[in-house]
């Protein structure tokens, strides 16, 4: 007579492991949600003389995460923001007006002398 031994019930683990596969979308979502920092230094030397040293710092995150940690340079970059382009044009016009006023002032001062 044979008796069957009951097997313990197993449940699937929801904790991701290295053997579980993730889709590219899942990985991208995690990276943008949490952010990732890549840092490195490159140094080129001949003998004991350092010829070139490059420090690389790369942060990949979502816009919301970047703002949360205090990074928002793209809002004022003249090549990325239409508002910044407008401010650059206004600044250029003001500089031209100042230059014109200074030349008029020099002309008036030289006329008085």
C-alpha atoms as a PDB file:
ATOM      1  CA  UNK A   1       0.000   0.000   0.000  1.00  0.00           C
ATOM      2  CA  UNK A   2       1.354   3.370  -0.988  1.00  0.00           C
ATOM      3  CA  UNK A   3       0.560   6.564   0.766  1.00  0.00           C
ATOM      4  CA  UNK A   4       0.987   9.929  -0.783  1.00  0.00           C
ATOM      5  CA  UNK A   5       2.806  12.561   1.157  1.00  0.00           C
ATOM      6  CA  UNK A   6       1.172  15.975   0.825  1.00  0.00           C
ATOM      7  CA  UNK A   7       3.437  18.573  -0.676  1.00  0.00           C
ATOM      8  CA  UNK A   8       3.684  21.956   0.964  1.00  0.00           C
ATOM      9  CA  UNK A   9       1.827  24.664  -0.854  1.00  0.00           C
ATOM     10  CA  UNK A  10       4.045  27.250  -2.459  1.00  0.00           C
ATOM     11  CA  UNK A  11       3.052  30.759  -3.330  1.00  0.00           C
ATOM     12  CA  UNK A  12       4.642  32.898  -5.973  1.00  0.00           C
ATOM     13  CA  UNK A  13       6.998  35.507  -4.636  1.00  0.00           C
ATOM     14  CA  UNK A  14       6.259  39.134  -5.587  1.00  0.00           C
ATOM     15  CA  UNK A  15       9.758  40.248  -4.694  1.00  0.00           C
ATOM     16  CA  UNK A  16      11.769  40.757  -7.879  1.00  0.00           C
ATOM     17  CA  UNK A  17      14.906  38.656  -8.109  1.00  0.00           C
ATOM     18  CA  UNK A  18      17.752  38.558 -10.564  1.00  0.00           C
ATOM     19  CA  UNK A  19      16.234  35.546 -12.293  1.00  0.00           C
ATOM     20  CA  UNK A  20      12.904  37.245 -12.966  1.00  0.00           C
ATOM     21  CA  UNK A  21      12.734  39.092 -16.234  1.00  0.00           C
ATOM     22  CA  UNK A  22      11.503  42.657 -16.453  1.00  0.00           C
ATOM     23  CA  UNK A  23      10.305  44.425 -19.495  1.00  0.00           C
ATOM     24  CA  UNK A  24      12.101  47.529 -20.680  1.00  0.00           C
ATOM     25  CA  UNK A  25       9.081  49.604 -19.690  1.00  0.00           C
ATOM     26  CA  UNK A  26       9.259  48.317 -16.093  1.00  0.00           C
ATOM     27  CA  UNK A  27      12.961  49.101 -15.836  1.00  0.00           C
ATOM     28  CA  UNK A  28      12.495  52.569 -17.341  1.00  0.00           C
ATOM     29  CA  UNK A  29       9.601  53.292 -14.987  1.00  0.00           C
ATOM     30  CA  UNK A  30      11.711  52.329 -11.961  1.00  0.00           C
ATOM     31  CA  UNK A  31      14.685  54.389 -13.117  1.00  0.00           C
ATOM     32  CA  UNK A  32      12.576  57.490 -13.764  1.00  0.00           C
ATOM     33  CA  UNK A  33      10.684  57.085 -10.509  1.00  0.00           C
ATOM     34  CA  UNK A  34      13.728  56.659  -8.293  1.00  0.00           C
ATOM     35  CA  UNK A  35      16.453  58.220 -10.435  1.00  0.00           C
ATOM     36  CA  UNK A  36      19.916  56.891 -11.126  1.00  0.00           C
ATOM     37  CA  UNK A  37      23.308  58.519 -10.719  1.00  0.00           C
ATOM     38  CA  UNK A  38      26.335  57.463 -12.727  1.00  0.00           C
ATOM     39  CA  UNK A  39      29.662  58.945 -11.696  1.00  0.00           C
ATOM     40  CA  UNK A  40      33.159  58.303 -12.924  1.00  0.00           C
ATOM     41  CA  UNK A  41      36.579  59.762 -13.467  1.00  0.00           C
ATOM     42  CA  UNK A  42      38.746  59.269 -16.537  1.00  0.00           C
ATOM     43  CA  UNK A  43      42.414  60.066 -16.350  1.00  0.00           C
ATOM     44  CA  UNK A  44      44.993  59.772 -19.141  1.00  0.00           C
ATOM     45  CA  UNK A  45      48.595  59.821 -18.062  1.00  0.00           C
ATOM     46  CA  UNK A  46      51.967  59.207 -19.638  1.00  0.00           C
ATOM     47  CA  UNK A  47      54.400  58.092 -17.019  1.00  0.00           C
ATOM     48  CA  UNK A  48      53.733  60.243 -13.989  1.00  0.00           C
ATOM     49  CA  UNK A  49      52.407  63.199 -16.031  1.00  0.00           C
ATOM     50  CA  UNK A  50      48.649  63.517 -16.190  1.00  0.00           C
ATOM     51  CA  UNK A  51      47.598  64.693 -19.630  1.00  0.00           C
ATOM     52  CA  UNK A  52      43.828  64.699 -19.334  1.00  0.00           C
ATOM     53  CA  UNK A  53      41.356  64.354 -16.500  1.00  0.00           C
ATOM     54  CA  UNK A  54      37.598  64.112 -17.069  1.00  0.00           C
ATOM     55  CA  UNK A  55      34.975  63.944 -14.330  1.00  0.00           C
ATOM     56  CA  UNK A  56      31.664  62.518 -15.463  1.00  0.00           C
ATOM     57  CA  UNK A  57      28.489  62.942 -13.436  1.00  0.00           C
ATOM     58  CA  UNK A  58      25.210  61.784 -14.950  1.00  0.00           C
ATOM     59  CA  UNK A  59      21.769  61.919 -13.348  1.00  0.00           C
ATOM     60  CA  UNK A  60      18.824  60.216 -15.008  1.00  0.00           C
ATOM     61  CA  UNK A  61      15.413  60.907 -13.499  1.00  0.00           C
ATOM     62  CA  UNK A  62      11.953  62.164 -14.259  1.00  0.00           C
ATOM     63  CA  UNK A  63      11.253  65.890 -14.351  1.00  0.00           C
ATOM     64  CA  UNK A  64       9.204  65.633 -11.154  1.00  0.00           C
ATOM     65  CA  UNK A  65      12.008  63.814  -9.318  1.00  0.00           C
ATOM     66  CA  UNK A  66      14.594  66.328 -10.561  1.00  0.00           C
ATOM     67  CA  UNK A  67      12.469  69.247  -9.324  1.00  0.00           C
ATOM     68  CA  UNK A  68      12.017  67.430  -6.011  1.00  0.00           C
ATOM     69  CA  UNK A  69      15.790  67.345  -5.500  1.00  0.00           C
ATOM     70  CA  UNK A  70      16.215  70.957  -6.641  1.00  0.00           C
ATOM     71  CA  UNK A  71      17.331  70.606 -10.252  1.00  0.00           C
ATOM     72  CA  UNK A  72      15.500  72.698 -12.855  1.00  0.00           C
ATOM     73  CA  UNK A  73      18.160  74.136 -15.170  1.00  0.00           C
ATOM     74  CA  UNK A  74      16.152  73.344 -18.303  1.00  0.00           C
ATOM     75  CA  UNK A  75      13.560  75.975 -17.338  1.00  0.00           C
ATOM     76  CA  UNK A  76      16.067  78.790 -17.888  1.00  0.00           C
ATOM     77  CA  UNK A  77      18.262  77.270 -20.598  1.00  0.00           C
ATOM     78  CA  UNK A  78      17.931  79.598 -23.604  1.00  0.00           C
ATOM     79  CA  UNK A  79      18.052  76.712 -26.037  1.00  0.00           C
ATOM     80  CA  UNK A  80      15.310  74.714 -24.332  1.00  0.00           C
ATOM     81  CA  UNK A  81      12.830  77.305 -23.084  1.00  0.00           C
ATOM     82  CA  UNK A  82      10.786  79.693 -25.226  1.00  0.00           C
ATOM     83  CA  UNK A  83      10.542  82.080 -22.256  1.00  0.00           C
ATOM     84  CA  UNK A  84      14.312  82.109 -21.938  1.00  0.00           C
ATOM     85  CA  UNK A  85      14.623  82.914 -25.674  1.00  0.00           C
ATOM     86  CA  UNK A  86      12.293  85.866 -25.155  1.00  0.00           C
ATOM     87  CA  UNK A  87      14.357  87.041 -22.178  1.00  0.00           C
ATOM     88  CA  UNK A  88      17.568  86.806 -24.203  1.00  0.00           C
ATOM     89  CA  UNK A  89      16.064  88.961 -26.955  1.00  0.00           C
ATOM     90  CA  UNK A  90      14.844  91.524 -24.420  1.00  0.00           C
ATOM     91  CA  UNK A  91      18.252  91.543 -22.784  1.00  0.00           C
ATOM     92  CA  UNK A  92      19.949  92.126 -26.140  1.00  0.00           C
ATOM     93  CA  UNK A  93      17.575  95.025 -26.920  1.00  0.00           C
ATOM     94  CA  UNK A  94      18.266  96.604 -23.523  1.00  0.00           C
ATOM     95  CA  UNK A  95      22.017  96.290 -24.033  1.00  0.00           C
ATOM     96  CA  UNK A  96      21.699  98.022 -27.412  1.00  0.00           C
ATOM     97  CA  UNK A  97      19.639 100.851 -25.843  1.00  0.00           C
ATOM     98  CA  UNK A  98      22.202 101.311 -23.064  1.00  0.00           C
ATOM     99  CA  UNK A  99      24.983 101.419 -25.625  1.00  0.00           C
ATOM    100  CA  UNK A 100      23.081 104.086 -27.598  1.00  0.00           C
ATOM    101  CA  UNK A 101      22.422 106.179 -24.472  1.00  0.00           C
ATOM    102  CA  UNK A 102      26.083 105.970 -23.426  1.00  0.00           C
ATOM    103  CA  UNK A 103      27.232 107.121 -26.868  1.00  0.00           C
ATOM    104  CA  UNK A 104      24.761 110.065 -26.727  1.00  0.00           C
ATOM    105  CA  UNK A 105      26.029 110.951 -23.249  1.00  0.00           C
ATOM    106  CA  UNK A 106      29.630 110.890 -24.488  1.00  0.00           C
ATOM    107  CA  UNK A 107      28.662 113.125 -27.422  1.00  0.00           C
ATOM    108  CA  UNK A 108      26.931 115.640 -25.078  1.00  0.00           C
ATOM    109  CA  UNK A 109      29.935 115.693 -22.737  1.00  0.00           C
ATOM    110  CA  UNK A 110      32.353 116.276 -25.590  1.00  0.00           C
ATOM    111  CA  UNK A 111      30.116 119.090 -26.950  1.00  0.00           C
ATOM    112  CA  UNK A 112      30.168 120.832 -23.560  1.00  0.00           C
ATOM    113  CA  UNK A 113      33.946 120.805 -23.380  1.00  0.00           C
END
